[in-house]
PDB file of N, CA and C in Angstrom:
ATOM      1  N   UNK A   1       0.824  -1.324   0.018  1.00  0.00           N
ATOM      2  CA  UNK A   1      -0.017   0.010   0.057  1.00  0.00           C
ATOM      3  C   UNK A   1       0.841   1.335  -0.008  1.00  0.00           C
ATOM      4  N   UNK A   2       1.890   1.235   0.677  1.00  0.00           N
ATOM      5  CA  UNK A   2       2.675   2.364   0.777  1.00  0.00           C
ATOM      6  C   UNK A   2       3.344   2.852  -0.647  1.00  0.00           C
ATOM      7  N   UNK A   3       3.491   1.883  -1.471  1.00  0.00           N
ATOM      8  CA  UNK A   3       4.030   2.164  -2.946  1.00  0.00           C
ATOM      9  C   UNK A   3       3.119   3.134  -3.674  1.00  0.00           C
ATOM     10  N   UNK A   4       1.824   3.091  -3.367  1.00  0.00           N
ATOM     11  CA  UNK A   4       0.833   3.927  -3.962  1.00  0.00           C
ATOM     12  C   UNK A   4       0.530   5.240  -3.425  1.00  0.00           C
ATOM     13  N   UNK A   5       1.257   5.620  -2.329  1.00  0.00           N
ATOM     14  CA  UNK A   5       1.257   7.061  -1.713  1.00  0.00           C
ATOM     15  C   UNK A   5       1.810   7.943  -2.783  1.00  0.00           C
ATOM     16  N   UNK A   6       1.028   8.926  -3.365  1.00  0.00           N
ATOM     17  CA  UNK A   6       1.820   9.832  -4.187  1.00  0.00           C
ATOM     18  C   UNK A   6       2.768  10.742  -3.582  1.00  0.00           C
ATOM     19  N   UNK A   7       2.756  11.205  -2.532  1.00  0.00           N
ATOM     20  CA  UNK A   7       3.641  12.068  -1.856  1.00  0.00           C
ATOM     21  C   UNK A   7       3.946  11.511  -0.441  1.00  0.00           C
ATOM     22  N   UNK A   8       5.043  10.666  -0.414  1.00  0.00           N
ATOM     23  CA  UNK A   8       5.368  10.125   0.741  1.00  0.00           C
ATOM     24  C   UNK A   8       6.034  10.990   1.850  1.00  0.00           C
ATOM     25  N   UNK A   9       5.685  10.733   3.013  1.00  0.00           N
ATOM     26  CA  UNK A   9       6.217  11.588   4.125  1.00  0.00           C
ATOM     27  C   UNK A   9       7.406  10.836   4.638  1.00  0.00           C
ATOM     28  N   UNK A  10       8.286  11.409   5.623  1.00  0.00           N
ATOM     29  CA  UNK A  10       9.472  10.789   6.099  1.00  0.00           C
ATOM     30  C   UNK A  10       8.867   9.512   6.848  1.00  0.00           C
ATOM     31  N   UNK A  11       7.776   9.625   7.527  1.00  0.00           N
ATOM     32  CA  UNK A  11       7.223   8.417   8.244  1.00  0.00           C
ATOM     33  C   UNK A  11       6.938   7.244   7.288  1.00  0.00           C
ATOM     34  N   UNK A  12       6.387   7.599   6.148  1.00  0.00           N
ATOM     35  CA  UNK A  12       6.086   6.613   5.177  1.00  0.00           C
ATOM     36  C   UNK A  12       7.315   6.013   4.753  1.00  0.00           C
ATOM     37  N   UNK A  13       8.293   6.829   4.299  1.00  0.00           N
ATOM     38  CA  UNK A  13       9.638   6.163   3.857  1.00  0.00           C
ATOM     39  C   UNK A  13      10.306   5.304   4.979  1.00  0.00           C
ATOM     40  N   UNK A  14      10.079   5.707   6.288  1.00  0.00           N
ATOM     41  CA  UNK A  14      10.685   4.844   7.329  1.00  0.00           C
ATOM     42  C   UNK A  14      10.138   3.697   7.484  1.00  0.00           C
ATOM     43  N   UNK A  15       8.729   3.620   7.522  1.00  0.00           N
ATOM     44  CA  UNK A  15       8.016   2.284   7.649  1.00  0.00           C
ATOM     45  C   UNK A  15       8.441   1.371   6.412  1.00  0.00           C
ATOM     46  N   UNK A  16       8.432   2.029   5.170  1.00  0.00           N
ATOM     47  CA  UNK A  16       8.631   1.282   3.941  1.00  0.00           C
ATOM     48  C   UNK A  16      10.239   0.663   4.094  1.00  0.00           C
ATOM     49  N   UNK A  17      11.112   1.636   4.570  1.00  0.00           N
ATOM     50  CA  UNK A  17      12.449   0.889   4.684  1.00  0.00           C
ATOM     51  C   UNK A  17      12.353  -0.174   5.708  1.00  0.00           C
ATOM     52  N   UNK A  18      11.802  -0.193   6.887  1.00  0.00           N
ATOM     53  CA  UNK A  18      11.595  -1.268   7.711  1.00  0.00           C
ATOM     54  C   UNK A  18      10.979  -2.361   6.984  1.00  0.00           C
ATOM     55  N   UNK A  19      10.048  -2.312   6.230  1.00  0.00           N
ATOM     56  CA  UNK A  19       9.374  -3.483   5.588  1.00  0.00           C
ATOM     57  C   UNK A  19      10.329  -4.167   4.617  1.00  0.00           C
ATOM     58  N   UNK A  20      10.931  -3.357   3.738  1.00  0.00           N
ATOM     59  CA  UNK A  20      11.908  -3.966   2.759  1.00  0.00           C
ATOM     60  C   UNK A  20      13.233  -4.502   3.575  1.00  0.00           C
ATOM     61  N   UNK A  21      13.469  -3.958   4.501  1.00  0.00           N
ATOM     62  CA  UNK A  21      14.576  -4.557   5.347  1.00  0.00           C
ATOM     63  C   UNK A  21      14.256  -5.856   5.908  1.00  0.00           C
ATOM     64  N   UNK A  22      13.015  -5.992   6.288  1.00  0.00           N
ATOM     65  CA  UNK A  22      12.529  -7.314   6.924  1.00  0.00           C
ATOM     66  C   UNK A  22      12.247  -8.415   5.848  1.00  0.00           C
ATOM     67  N   UNK A  23      12.091  -7.859   4.517  1.00  0.00           N
ATOM     68  CA  UNK A  23      12.038  -8.820   3.447  1.00  0.00           C
ATOM     69  C   UNK A  23      13.392  -9.231   2.874  1.00  0.00           C
ATOM     70  N   UNK A  24      14.434  -8.668   3.462  1.00  0.00           N
ATOM     71  CA  UNK A  24      15.766  -8.893   2.848  1.00  0.00           C
ATOM     72  C   UNK A  24      16.196  -8.111   1.704  1.00  0.00           C
ATOM     73  N   UNK A  25      15.366  -7.035   1.382  1.00  0.00           N
ATOM     74  CA  UNK A  25      15.562  -6.111   0.231  1.00  0.00           C
ATOM     75  C   UNK A  25      16.389  -4.898   0.511  1.00  0.00           C
ATOM     76  N   UNK A  26      17.672  -5.235   0.885  1.00  0.00           N
ATOM     77  CA  UNK A  26      18.489  -4.229   1.408  1.00  0.00           C
ATOM     78  C   UNK A  26      18.657  -2.811   0.504  1.00  0.00           C
ATOM     79  N   UNK A  27      18.664  -3.167  -0.748  1.00  0.00           N
ATOM     80  CA  UNK A  27      19.240  -2.117  -1.669  1.00  0.00           C
ATOM     81  C   UNK A  27      17.846  -1.116  -1.647  1.00  0.00           C
ATOM     82  N   UNK A  28      16.504  -1.668  -1.723  1.00  0.00           N
ATOM     83  CA  UNK A  28      15.527  -0.820  -1.546  1.00  0.00           C
ATOM     84  C   UNK A  28      15.374  -0.226  -0.248  1.00  0.00           C
ATOM     85  N   UNK A  29      15.579  -0.845   0.715  1.00  0.00           N
ATOM     86  CA  UNK A  29      15.652  -0.279   2.149  1.00  0.00           C
ATOM     87  C   UNK A  29      16.506   0.756   2.291  1.00  0.00           C
ATOM     88  N   UNK A  30      17.721   0.635   1.737  1.00  0.00           N
ATOM     89  CA  UNK A  30      18.688   1.728   1.665  1.00  0.00           C
ATOM     90  C   UNK A  30      18.192   3.031   0.991  1.00  0.00           C
ATOM     91  N   UNK A  31      17.712   2.768  -0.110  1.00  0.00           N
ATOM     92  CA  UNK A  31      17.117   3.959  -0.935  1.00  0.00           C
ATOM     93  C   UNK A  31      16.067   4.690  -0.149  1.00  0.00           C
ATOM     94  N   UNK A  32      15.077   3.955   0.688  1.00  0.00           N
ATOM     95  CA  UNK A  32      14.111   4.497   1.340  1.00  0.00           C
ATOM     96  C   UNK A  32      14.779   5.154   2.630  1.00  0.00           C
ATOM     97  N   UNK A  33      15.705   4.662   3.211  1.00  0.00           N
ATOM     98  CA  UNK A  33      16.619   5.499   4.209  1.00  0.00           C
ATOM     99  C   UNK A  33      17.008   6.779   3.710  1.00  0.00           C
ATOM    100  N   UNK A  34      17.652   6.805   2.573  1.00  0.00           N
ATOM    101  CA  UNK A  34      18.106   7.941   2.025  1.00  0.00           C
ATOM    102  C   UNK A  34      16.910   9.041   1.801  1.00  0.00           C
ATOM    103  N   UNK A  35      15.666   8.400   1.357  1.00  0.00           N
ATOM    104  CA  UNK A  35      14.546   9.367   1.119  1.00  0.00           C
ATOM    105  C   UNK A  35      14.026   9.822   2.455  1.00  0.00           C
ATOM    106  N   UNK A  36      13.869   8.815   3.660  1.00  0.00           N
ATOM    107  CA  UNK A  36      13.525   9.486   4.842  1.00  0.00           C
ATOM    108  C   UNK A  36      14.525  10.635   5.349  1.00  0.00           C
ATOM    109  N   UNK A  37      15.620  10.336   5.160  1.00  0.00           N
ATOM    110  CA  UNK A  37      16.768  11.196   5.751  1.00  0.00           C
ATOM    111  C   UNK A  37      16.811  12.543   4.877  1.00  0.00           C
ATOM    112  N   UNK A  38      16.474  12.456   3.713  1.00  0.00           N
ATOM    113  CA  UNK A  38      16.321  13.830   3.077  1.00  0.00           C
ATOM    114  C   UNK A  38      15.216  14.563   3.352  1.00  0.00           C
ATOM    115  N   UNK A  39      14.058  13.756   3.794  1.00  0.00           N
ATOM    116  CA  UNK A  39      12.992  14.638   4.231  1.00  0.00           C
ATOM    117  C   UNK A  39      12.956  15.122   5.613  1.00  0.00           C
ATOM    118  N   UNK A  40      13.749  14.491   6.509  1.00  0.00           N
ATOM    119  CA  UNK A  40      13.862  14.599   7.980  1.00  0.00           C
ATOM    120  C   UNK A  40      15.420  14.284   8.295  1.00  0.00           C
ATOM    121  N   UNK A  41      16.216  15.143   8.065  1.00  0.00           N
ATOM    122  CA  UNK A  41      17.563  14.985   8.359  1.00  0.00           C
ATOM    123  C   UNK A  41      17.869  14.718   9.866  1.00  0.00           C
ATOM    124  N   UNK A  42      17.000  15.228  10.772  1.00  0.00           N
ATOM    125  CA  UNK A  42      17.237  14.940  12.136  1.00  0.00           C
ATOM    126  C   UNK A  42      16.588  13.638  12.661  1.00  0.00           C
ATOM    127  N   UNK A  43      16.055  12.776  11.704  1.00  0.00           N
ATOM    128  CA  UNK A  43      15.326  11.494  12.062  1.00  0.00           C
ATOM    129  C   UNK A  43      16.201  10.640  13.116  1.00  0.00           C
ATOM    130  N   UNK A  44      15.500  10.132  14.095  1.00  0.00           N
ATOM    131  CA  UNK A  44      15.985   9.123  14.950  1.00  0.00           C
ATOM    132  C   UNK A  44      15.032   8.208  15.375  1.00  0.00           C
ATOM    133  N   UNK A  45      15.531   6.931  15.487  1.00  0.00           N
ATOM    134  CA  UNK A  45      14.644   5.606  15.797  1.00  0.00           C
ATOM    135  C   UNK A  45      13.919   6.069  17.123  1.00  0.00           C
ATOM    136  N   UNK A  46      14.795   6.471  17.924  1.00  0.00           N
ATOM    137  CA  UNK A  46      14.227   6.674  19.363  1.00  0.00           C
ATOM    138  C   UNK A  46      13.136   7.711  19.374  1.00  0.00           C
ATOM    139  N   UNK A  47      13.225   8.939  18.631  1.00  0.00           N
ATOM    140  CA  UNK A  47      12.257   9.947  18.608  1.00  0.00           C
ATOM    141  C   UNK A  47      11.040   9.472  17.821  1.00  0.00           C
ATOM    142  N   UNK A  48      11.270   8.631  16.776  1.00  0.00           N
ATOM    143  CA  UNK A  48      10.139   8.101  15.983  1.00  0.00           C
ATOM    144  C   UNK A  48       9.448   7.069  16.798  1.00  0.00           C
ATOM    145  N   UNK A  49      10.083   6.408  17.496  1.00  0.00           N
ATOM    146  CA  UNK A  49       9.348   5.106  18.234  1.00  0.00           C
ATOM    147  C   UNK A  49       8.492   5.831  19.233  1.00  0.00           C
ATOM    148  N   UNK A  50       8.914   6.986  19.941  1.00  0.00           N
ATOM    149  CA  UNK A  50       8.355   7.663  21.114  1.00  0.00           C
ATOM    150  C   UNK A  50       7.126   8.158  20.711  1.00  0.00           C
ATOM    151  N   UNK A  51       6.833   8.361  19.388  1.00  0.00           N
ATOM    152  CA  UNK A  51       5.614   9.071  18.893  1.00  0.00           C
ATOM    153  C   UNK A  51       4.531   7.906  18.323  1.00  0.00           C
ATOM    154  N   UNK A  52       5.070   6.709  18.232  1.00  0.00           N
ATOM    155  CA  UNK A  52       4.201   5.778  17.528  1.00  0.00           C
ATOM    156  C   UNK A  52       3.409   4.859  18.568  1.00  0.00           C
ATOM    157  N   UNK A  53       2.236   4.822  18.456  1.00  0.00           N
ATOM    158  CA  UNK A  53       1.303   4.135  19.530  1.00  0.00           C
ATOM    159  C   UNK A  53       1.175   2.751  18.977  1.00  0.00           C
ATOM    160  N   UNK A  54       1.677   2.012  20.028  1.00  0.00           N
ATOM    161  CA  UNK A  54       1.524   0.353  19.769  1.00  0.00           C
ATOM    162  C   UNK A  54       1.005  -0.165  21.133  1.00  0.00           C
ATOM    163  N   UNK A  55      -0.009  -0.992  20.765  1.00  0.00           N
ATOM    164  CA  UNK A  55      -0.612  -1.777  21.846  1.00  0.00           C
ATOM    165  C   UNK A  55       0.203  -2.856  22.483  1.00  0.00           C
ATOM    166  N   UNK A  56       0.937  -3.332  21.684  1.00  0.00           N
ATOM    167  CA  UNK A  56       1.696  -4.684  22.081  1.00  0.00           C
ATOM    168  C   UNK A  56       3.220  -4.012  21.961  1.00  0.00           C
ATOM    169  N   UNK A  57       4.067  -4.286  23.051  1.00  0.00           N
ATOM    170  CA  UNK A  57       5.319  -3.863  23.132  1.00  0.00           C
ATOM    171  C   UNK A  57       5.989  -4.712  22.118  1.00  0.00           C
ATOM    172  N   UNK A  58       5.681  -5.975  21.894  1.00  0.00           N
ATOM    173  CA  UNK A  58       6.357  -6.764  21.015  1.00  0.00           C
ATOM    174  C   UNK A  58       6.343  -6.312  19.711  1.00  0.00           C
ATOM    175  N   UNK A  59       5.202  -5.599  19.021  1.00  0.00           N
ATOM    176  CA  UNK A  59       5.183  -5.029  17.763  1.00  0.00           C
ATOM    177  C   UNK A  59       6.020  -3.719  17.771  1.00  0.00           C
ATOM    178  N   UNK A  60       6.114  -2.896  18.794  1.00  0.00           N
ATOM    179  CA  UNK A  60       7.089  -1.854  18.807  1.00  0.00           C
ATOM    180  C   UNK A  60       8.520  -2.380  18.810  1.00  0.00           C
ATOM    181  N   UNK A  61       8.836  -3.351  19.474  1.00  0.00           N
ATOM    182  CA  UNK A  61      10.084  -3.792  19.352  1.00  0.00           C
ATOM    183  C   UNK A  61      10.589  -4.342  17.996  1.00  0.00           C
ATOM    184  N   UNK A  62       9.545  -5.090  17.472  1.00  0.00           N
ATOM    185  CA  UNK A  62       9.956  -5.585  16.021  1.00  0.00           C
ATOM    186  C   UNK A  62      10.158  -4.507  15.089  1.00  0.00           C
ATOM    187  N   UNK A  63       9.403  -3.399  15.202  1.00  0.00           N
ATOM    188  CA  UNK A  63       9.553  -2.260  14.220  1.00  0.00           C
ATOM    189  C   UNK A  63      10.765  -1.742  14.574  1.00  0.00           C
ATOM    190  N   UNK A  64      11.241  -1.378  15.817  1.00  0.00           N
ATOM    191  CA  UNK A  64      12.330  -0.913  16.024  1.00  0.00           C
ATOM    192  C   UNK A  64      13.618  -1.736  15.479  1.00  0.00           C
ATOM    193  N   UNK A  65      13.470  -2.986  15.568  1.00  0.00           N
ATOM    194  CA  UNK A  65      14.528  -3.863  15.049  1.00  0.00           C
ATOM    195  C   UNK A  65      14.798  -3.762  13.577  1.00  0.00           C
ATOM    196  N   UNK A  66      13.630  -3.593  12.839  1.00  0.00           N
ATOM    197  CA  UNK A  66      13.646  -3.525  11.361  1.00  0.00           C
ATOM    198  C   UNK A  66      14.139  -2.095  10.985  1.00  0.00           C
ATOM    199  N   UNK A  67      13.802  -1.037  11.867  1.00  0.00           N
ATOM    200  CA  UNK A  67      14.304   0.339  11.440  1.00  0.00           C
ATOM    201  C   UNK A  67      15.904   0.354  11.567  1.00  0.00           C
ATOM    202  N   UNK A  68      16.443  -0.408  12.635  1.00  0.00           N
ATOM    203  CA  UNK A  68      17.797  -0.716  12.739  1.00  0.00           C
ATOM    204  C   UNK A  68      18.491  -1.386  11.611  1.00  0.00           C
ATOM    205  N   UNK A  69      17.737  -2.468  11.257  1.00  0.00           N
ATOM    206  CA  UNK A  69      18.250  -3.308  10.001  1.00  0.00           C
ATOM    207  C   UNK A  69      18.288  -2.626   8.848  1.00  0.00           C
ATOM    208  N   UNK A  70      17.430  -1.703   8.661  1.00  0.00           N
ATOM    209  CA  UNK A  70      17.258  -0.881   7.322  1.00  0.00           C
ATOM    210  C   UNK A  70      18.478   0.214   7.349  1.00  0.00           C
ATOM    211  N   UNK A  71      18.933   0.528   8.511  1.00  0.00           N
ATOM    212  CA  UNK A  71      20.029   1.440   8.689  1.00  0.00           C
ATOM    213  C   UNK A  71      19.748   2.888   9.046  1.00  0.00           C
ATOM    214  N   UNK A  72      18.568   2.982   9.557  1.00  0.00           N
ATOM    215  CA  UNK A  72      18.178   4.439  10.146  1.00  0.00           C
ATOM    216  C   UNK A  72      18.992   4.635  11.458  1.00  0.00           C
ATOM    217  N   UNK A  73      19.221   5.989  11.708  1.00  0.00           N
ATOM    218  CA  UNK A  73      20.018   6.365  12.905  1.00  0.00           C
ATOM    219  C   UNK A  73      19.343   6.071  14.270  1.00  0.00           C
ATOM    220  N   UNK A  74      19.971   5.725  15.166  1.00  0.00           N
ATOM    221  CA  UNK A  74      19.278   5.620  16.595  1.00  0.00           C
ATOM    222  C   UNK A  74      18.939   6.961  16.900  1.00  0.00           C
TER     223      UNK A  74
END
């Protein structure tokens, strides 16, 4: 679904980078990391995760791991 968003935000790019990293698509993940950081140079996983509401801690932890795997900064 993210691929169909006409104007992606940095959040969209971060989520997409995490998804592609989880699928083992490192090249695409890195391109999306670059897109995310171009839109939000001060991006940090810690700040991003502090604003994302998750009911289950395990879901938040999984996303955080994938964001790291994609190469986004802590």
